[in-house]
């Protein structure tokens, strides 16, 4: 059974019999997050959601990376964690959460490139990412049937044929705009998918998730890599395909939990891209 806010905070040293206010933050498929206000101080409490285990998250690797990222002002400071109980308490970072509109600025694309460059200098976590294994976990959990089975098999083929041979670095793996906060500097939230991966995967997430055009994709890549080359563009193109295949499978898993029309629409949009890939 998932813990409630009162029960979770009561088990954290220094929080017993403390007056506070809590309000649930938006989102919440893989987690439940709450803004906790204690006097003038604000915190974020993350708790497991009913479907957290469905996504097979590596909380130990996340915490390891998150603590180091926080030391470098790339993530909120962690104050308390209990992996077994599904509890994470962090400092609330005030600032503006980005939207896709922020990516319409060339300057902002260059700033994101620099942000990812800093993330990629973090120490290796020792947990390498396998897109093939991740895809299989989703497929096993979803139990694809009918027309979805065909798309799921296409996703697997896309991933197998675009595996990276680039030396991995520490990656966030989910740097969508909703996870970017403009505070005193740019930082990233939600490191639950972080591990060691092809650095171009992080760029691919920005481009594919927000459907950036070629011009903006080139600006991001050039700012990150220090210039454009055909080889770099090809490496990025392959990671965009991997991301789309994983995204479709993730959305299919999400649909198992939500069964809503928005998720179905998002799946259809990704599927339209997948069917045009020559693997």
Protein backbone atom coordinates (compact mmCIF):
# COMPACT_ATOMS: atom_id res chain seq x y z
CA UNK A 1 0.00 0.00 0.00
CA UNK A 2 1.30 3.45 -0.93
CA UNK A 3 2.10 5.78 1.93
CA UNK A 4 0.24 9.01 2.52
CA UNK A 5 1.92 12.37 3.14
CA UNK A 6 1.39 12.32 6.92
CA UNK A 7 2.72 8.79 7.29
CA UNK A 8 5.74 9.44 5.06
CA UNK A 9 6.77 12.67 6.80
CA UNK A 10 6.27 11.16 10.26
CA UNK A 11 9.04 8.69 9.49
CA UNK A 12 11.55 11.36 8.46
CA UNK A 13 13.86 12.59 11.26
CA UNK A 14 12.90 16.05 12.43
CA UNK A 15 9.40 15.97 10.94
CA UNK A 16 7.40 14.35 13.73
CA UNK A 17 4.75 16.68 15.18
CA UNK A 18 5.71 19.49 12.77
CA UNK A 19 3.06 21.81 11.36
CA UNK A 20 3.06 21.94 7.58
CA UNK A 21 0.82 22.40 4.58
CA UNK A 22 0.80 20.05 1.60
CA UNK A 23 -0.62 20.28 -1.91
CA UNK A 24 -0.32 17.71 -4.66
CA UNK A 25 1.64 18.70 -7.75
CA UNK A 26 0.49 17.90 -11.26
CA UNK A 27 1.53 14.75 -13.09
CA UNK A 28 1.79 11.61 -11.07
CA UNK A 29 1.62 8.43 -13.15
CA UNK A 30 4.91 6.94 -11.99
CA UNK A 31 5.05 9.03 -8.80
CA UNK A 32 2.94 11.22 -6.55
CA UNK A 33 4.60 14.55 -5.74
CA UNK A 34 3.60 17.10 -3.12
CA UNK A 35 4.66 20.64 -2.31
CA UNK A 36 5.34 20.78 1.43
CA UNK A 37 5.38 24.19 3.12
CA UNK A 38 6.81 24.51 6.63
CA UNK A 39 6.91 28.14 7.64
CA UNK A 40 8.89 29.96 4.95
CA UNK A 41 10.60 26.76 3.79
CA UNK A 42 9.33 24.69 0.87
CA UNK A 43 10.10 21.12 -0.07
CA UNK A 44 8.99 18.49 -2.57
CA UNK A 45 7.94 15.09 -1.26
CA UNK A 46 7.85 12.30 -3.84
CA UNK A 47 6.01 9.09 -3.07
CA UNK A 48 5.39 5.97 -5.09
CA UNK A 49 2.18 5.82 -7.09
CA UNK A 50 0.04 2.72 -7.70
CA UNK A 51 1.85 2.06 -10.98
CA UNK A 52 5.44 2.90 -9.95
CA UNK A 53 6.65 -0.70 -9.92
CA UNK A 54 5.22 -1.21 -13.42
CA UNK A 55 8.01 0.96 -14.87
CA UNK A 56 10.87 -0.94 -13.17
CA UNK A 57 12.74 2.19 -12.07
CA UNK A 58 16.26 1.95 -10.68
CA UNK A 59 15.94 4.14 -7.60
CA UNK A 60 19.45 3.39 -6.33
CA UNK A 61 21.09 4.64 -9.52
CA UNK A 62 18.77 7.64 -9.58
CA UNK A 63 19.71 8.64 -6.04
CA UNK A 64 23.42 8.18 -6.70
CA UNK A 65 23.31 10.45 -9.74
CA UNK A 66 20.90 12.91 -8.17
CA UNK A 67 23.12 13.60 -5.16
CA UNK A 68 26.11 14.34 -7.40
CA UNK A 69 24.03 16.45 -9.77
CA UNK A 70 22.72 18.50 -6.84
CA UNK A 71 26.28 19.20 -5.70
CA UNK A 72 26.92 20.72 -9.12
CA UNK A 73 23.71 22.79 -9.09
CA UNK A 74 22.14 20.65 -11.79
CA UNK A 75 19.35 19.22 -9.62
CA UNK A 76 17.47 19.94 -6.38
CA UNK A 77 19.20 18.98 -3.14
CA UNK A 78 18.07 15.68 -1.65
CA UNK A 79 17.28 15.87 2.07
CA UNK A 80 16.01 12.36 2.75
CA UNK A 81 15.37 9.15 0.86
CA UNK A 82 14.04 5.70 1.61
CA UNK A 83 14.10 3.58 -1.51
CA UNK A 84 12.25 0.63 0.00
CA UNK A 85 9.42 2.84 1.22
CA UNK A 86 9.38 4.93 -1.96
CA UNK A 87 10.09 8.26 -0.23
CA UNK A 88 12.21 11.14 -1.53
CA UNK A 89 12.30 14.57 0.11
CA UNK A 90 14.05 17.39 -1.77
CA UNK A 91 14.43 21.12 -1.53
CA UNK A 92 11.87 22.98 -3.64
CA UNK A 93 13.59 25.01 -6.32
CA UNK A 94 11.71 28.22 -7.14
CA UNK A 95 11.73 29.25 -10.76
CA UNK A 96 9.98 28.97 -14.10
CA UNK A 97 9.30 25.51 -15.45
CA UNK A 98 9.96 25.52 -19.18
CA UNK A 99 7.37 24.77 -21.85
CA UNK A 100 7.92 23.80 -25.50
CA UNK A 101 7.65 27.50 -26.37
CA UNK A 102 11.03 28.08 -24.72
CA UNK A 103 12.66 25.92 -27.38
CA UNK A 104 11.65 28.36 -30.13
CA UNK A 105 14.58 30.54 -29.07
CA UNK A 106 18.01 29.78 -30.55
CA UNK A 107 19.60 31.15 -27.39
CA UNK A 108 17.60 28.73 -25.27
CA UNK A 109 18.54 25.80 -27.49
CA UNK A 110 22.17 26.71 -26.95
CA UNK A 111 21.60 26.96 -23.19
CA UNK A 112 20.01 23.50 -23.14
CA UNK A 113 22.99 22.15 -25.06
CA UNK A 114 25.31 23.57 -22.41
CA UNK A 115 23.13 22.16 -19.64
CA UNK A 116 23.29 18.68 -21.15
CA UNK A 117 27.01 19.09 -21.61
CA UNK A 118 27.35 19.65 -17.86
CA UNK A 119 25.16 16.64 -17.10
CA UNK A 120 27.37 14.51 -19.31
CA UNK A 121 30.44 15.41 -17.25
CA UNK A 122 28.94 13.80 -14.14
CA UNK A 123 30.71 10.62 -13.00
CA UNK A 124 29.54 7.40 -14.59
CA UNK A 125 26.92 5.69 -12.46
CA UNK A 126 28.05 2.18 -13.35
CA UNK A 127 24.56 1.38 -14.65
CA UNK A 128 24.66 1.27 -18.45
CA UNK A 129 21.40 1.72 -20.32
CA UNK A 130 20.12 -1.03 -22.61
CA UNK A 131 17.34 0.11 -24.91
CA UNK A 132 16.81 -3.51 -25.96
CA UNK A 133 16.29 -4.63 -22.36
CA UNK A 134 14.05 -1.63 -21.58
CA UNK A 135 11.88 -2.37 -24.62
CA UNK A 136 11.54 -6.02 -23.62
CA UNK A 137 10.48 -5.05 -20.09
CA UNK A 138 7.73 -2.84 -21.46
CA UNK A 139 6.54 -5.49 -23.89
CA UNK A 140 6.51 -8.19 -21.22
CA UNK A 141 4.56 -5.95 -18.86
CA UNK A 142 2.09 -4.72 -21.46
CA UNK A 143 1.31 -8.06 -23.08
CA UNK A 144 0.82 -6.57 -26.54
CA UNK A 145 -1.84 -8.13 -28.73
CA UNK A 146 -3.51 -7.49 -32.09
CA UNK A 147 -2.36 -4.44 -34.08
CA UNK A 148 -0.30 -3.18 -31.14
CA UNK A 149 1.78 -6.34 -31.29
CA UNK A 150 2.94 -5.43 -34.80
CA UNK A 151 3.97 -1.93 -33.71
CA UNK A 152 5.68 -3.33 -30.63
CA UNK A 153 7.72 -5.68 -32.78
CA UNK A 154 8.62 -2.78 -35.07
CA UNK A 155 9.81 -0.84 -32.02
CA UNK A 156 12.05 -3.72 -31.06
CA UNK A 157 13.50 -3.92 -34.56
CA UNK A 158 14.14 -0.18 -34.68
CA UNK A 159 15.97 -0.36 -31.37
CA UNK A 160 18.04 -3.42 -32.28
CA UNK A 161 19.11 -1.89 -35.59
CA UNK A 162 20.08 1.46 -34.07
CA UNK A 163 22.04 0.34 -31.03
CA UNK A 164 24.78 2.75 -30.09
CA UNK A 165 28.47 1.99 -30.14
CA UNK A 166 29.29 5.43 -28.71
CA UNK A 167 31.07 5.50 -25.35
CA UNK A 168 28.40 6.19 -22.74
CA UNK A 169 28.27 9.10 -20.31
CA UNK A 170 26.00 9.93 -17.40
CA UNK A 171 22.68 10.98 -18.94
CA UNK A 172 19.41 12.34 -17.62
CA UNK A 173 17.45 10.41 -20.29
CA UNK A 174 14.27 12.48 -19.87
CA UNK A 175 15.20 16.17 -20.36
CA UNK A 176 11.78 17.27 -21.64
CA UNK A 177 10.85 20.90 -21.06
CA UNK A 178 8.63 20.04 -18.09
CA UNK A 179 11.77 18.82 -16.33
CA UNK A 180 13.77 22.00 -17.00
CA UNK A 181 13.58 24.78 -14.42
CA UNK A 182 14.88 28.30 -14.85
CA UNK A 183 16.14 29.29 -11.41
CA UNK A 184 19.42 31.09 -10.74
CA UNK A 185 20.59 28.80 -13.55
CA UNK A 186 19.03 25.98 -15.55
CA UNK A 187 18.60 22.70 -13.74
CA UNK A 188 16.77 19.43 -14.27
CA UNK A 189 14.06 17.67 -12.27
CA UNK A 190 12.95 14.02 -12.28
CA UNK A 191 16.15 12.01 -12.63
CA UNK A 192 14.40 8.64 -12.26
CA UNK A 193 15.53 7.38 -15.68
CA UNK A 194 19.11 8.65 -15.31
CA UNK A 195 21.96 6.22 -16.01
CA UNK A 196 24.91 5.82 -18.39
CA UNK A 197 23.89 6.16 -22.03
CA UNK A 198 24.80 7.54 -25.44
CA UNK A 199 24.97 11.34 -24.94
CA UNK A 200 23.05 11.85 -28.19
CA UNK A 201 20.04 10.20 -26.58
CA UNK A 202 19.50 13.25 -24.35
CA UNK A 203 19.60 15.49 -27.42
CA UNK A 204 17.24 13.12 -29.22
CA UNK A 205 14.72 13.45 -26.39
CA UNK A 206 14.69 17.24 -26.73
CA UNK A 207 14.29 17.08 -30.52
CA UNK A 208 11.91 14.14 -30.95
CA UNK A 209 9.69 14.75 -27.93
CA UNK A 210 9.08 18.36 -28.92
CA UNK A 211 9.17 17.70 -32.68
CA UNK A 212 11.81 20.32 -33.42
CA UNK A 213 12.49 21.13 -37.05
CA UNK A 214 15.80 20.46 -38.77
CA UNK A 215 17.06 24.01 -38.22
CA UNK A 216 16.51 23.86 -34.47
CA UNK A 217 17.88 20.32 -34.27
CA UNK A 218 21.05 21.51 -36.00
CA UNK A 219 21.36 24.48 -33.64
CA UNK A 220 21.11 22.17 -30.62
CA UNK A 221 23.56 19.64 -32.02
CA UNK A 222 26.06 22.26 -33.15
CA UNK A 223 25.99 24.02 -29.78
CA UNK A 224 26.46 20.71 -27.98
CA UNK A 225 29.13 19.15 -30.18
CA UNK A 226 30.96 22.28 -31.31
CA UNK A 227 29.84 22.08 -34.90
CA UNK A 228 27.91 19.96 -37.39
CA UNK A 229 29.26 16.96 -39.22
CA UNK A 230 27.46 14.27 -41.22
CA UNK A 231 28.63 11.66 -38.71
CA UNK A 232 27.19 13.57 -35.74
CA UNK A 233 23.90 14.10 -37.53
CA UNK A 234 23.68 10.39 -38.30
CA UNK A 235 24.42 9.43 -34.69
CA UNK A 236 21.70 11.79 -33.51
CA UNK A 237 19.25 10.50 -36.11
CA UNK A 238 19.74 6.95 -34.86
CA UNK A 239 19.09 7.98 -31.25
CA UNK A 240 15.94 9.82 -32.31
CA UNK A 241 14.67 6.54 -33.71
CA UNK A 242 15.53 4.71 -30.51
CA UNK A 243 13.73 7.35 -28.47
CA UNK A 244 10.59 7.20 -30.60
CA UNK A 245 10.47 3.41 -30.31
CA UNK A 246 10.90 3.54 -26.53
CA UNK A 247 8.40 6.40 -26.25
CA UNK A 248 5.71 4.39 -28.04
CA UNK A 249 6.27 1.45 -25.70
CA UNK A 250 6.25 3.75 -22.66
CA UNK A 251 2.99 5.30 -23.84
CA UNK A 252 1.50 1.85 -24.33
CA UNK A 253 2.48 1.07 -20.75
CA UNK A 254 0.98 4.38 -19.63
CA UNK A 255 -2.23 3.51 -21.44
CA UNK A 256 -2.47 0.32 -19.40
CA UNK A 257 -2.74 2.55 -16.34
CA UNK A 258 -4.77 5.48 -17.71
CA UNK A 259 -6.68 4.26 -20.79
CA UNK A 260 -7.28 7.85 -21.86
CA UNK A 261 -7.76 9.40 -25.27
CA UNK A 262 -4.77 11.74 -24.96
CA UNK A 263 -2.36 8.83 -24.54
CA UNK A 264 -3.91 7.03 -27.52
CA UNK A 265 -3.47 10.19 -29.60
CA UNK A 266 0.17 10.50 -28.57
CA UNK A 267 0.76 6.86 -29.47
CA UNK A 268 -0.75 7.44 -32.90
CA UNK A 269 1.55 10.43 -33.51
CA UNK A 270 4.65 8.42 -32.59
CA UNK A 271 3.43 5.45 -34.62
CA UNK A 272 3.17 7.69 -37.69
CA UNK A 273 6.88 8.43 -37.36
CA UNK A 274 7.84 4.84 -36.69
CA UNK A 275 6.19 3.43 -39.80
CA UNK A 276 8.33 5.74 -41.95
CA UNK A 277 11.60 4.48 -40.51
CA UNK A 278 13.59 2.12 -42.69
CA UNK A 279 14.95 0.68 -39.46
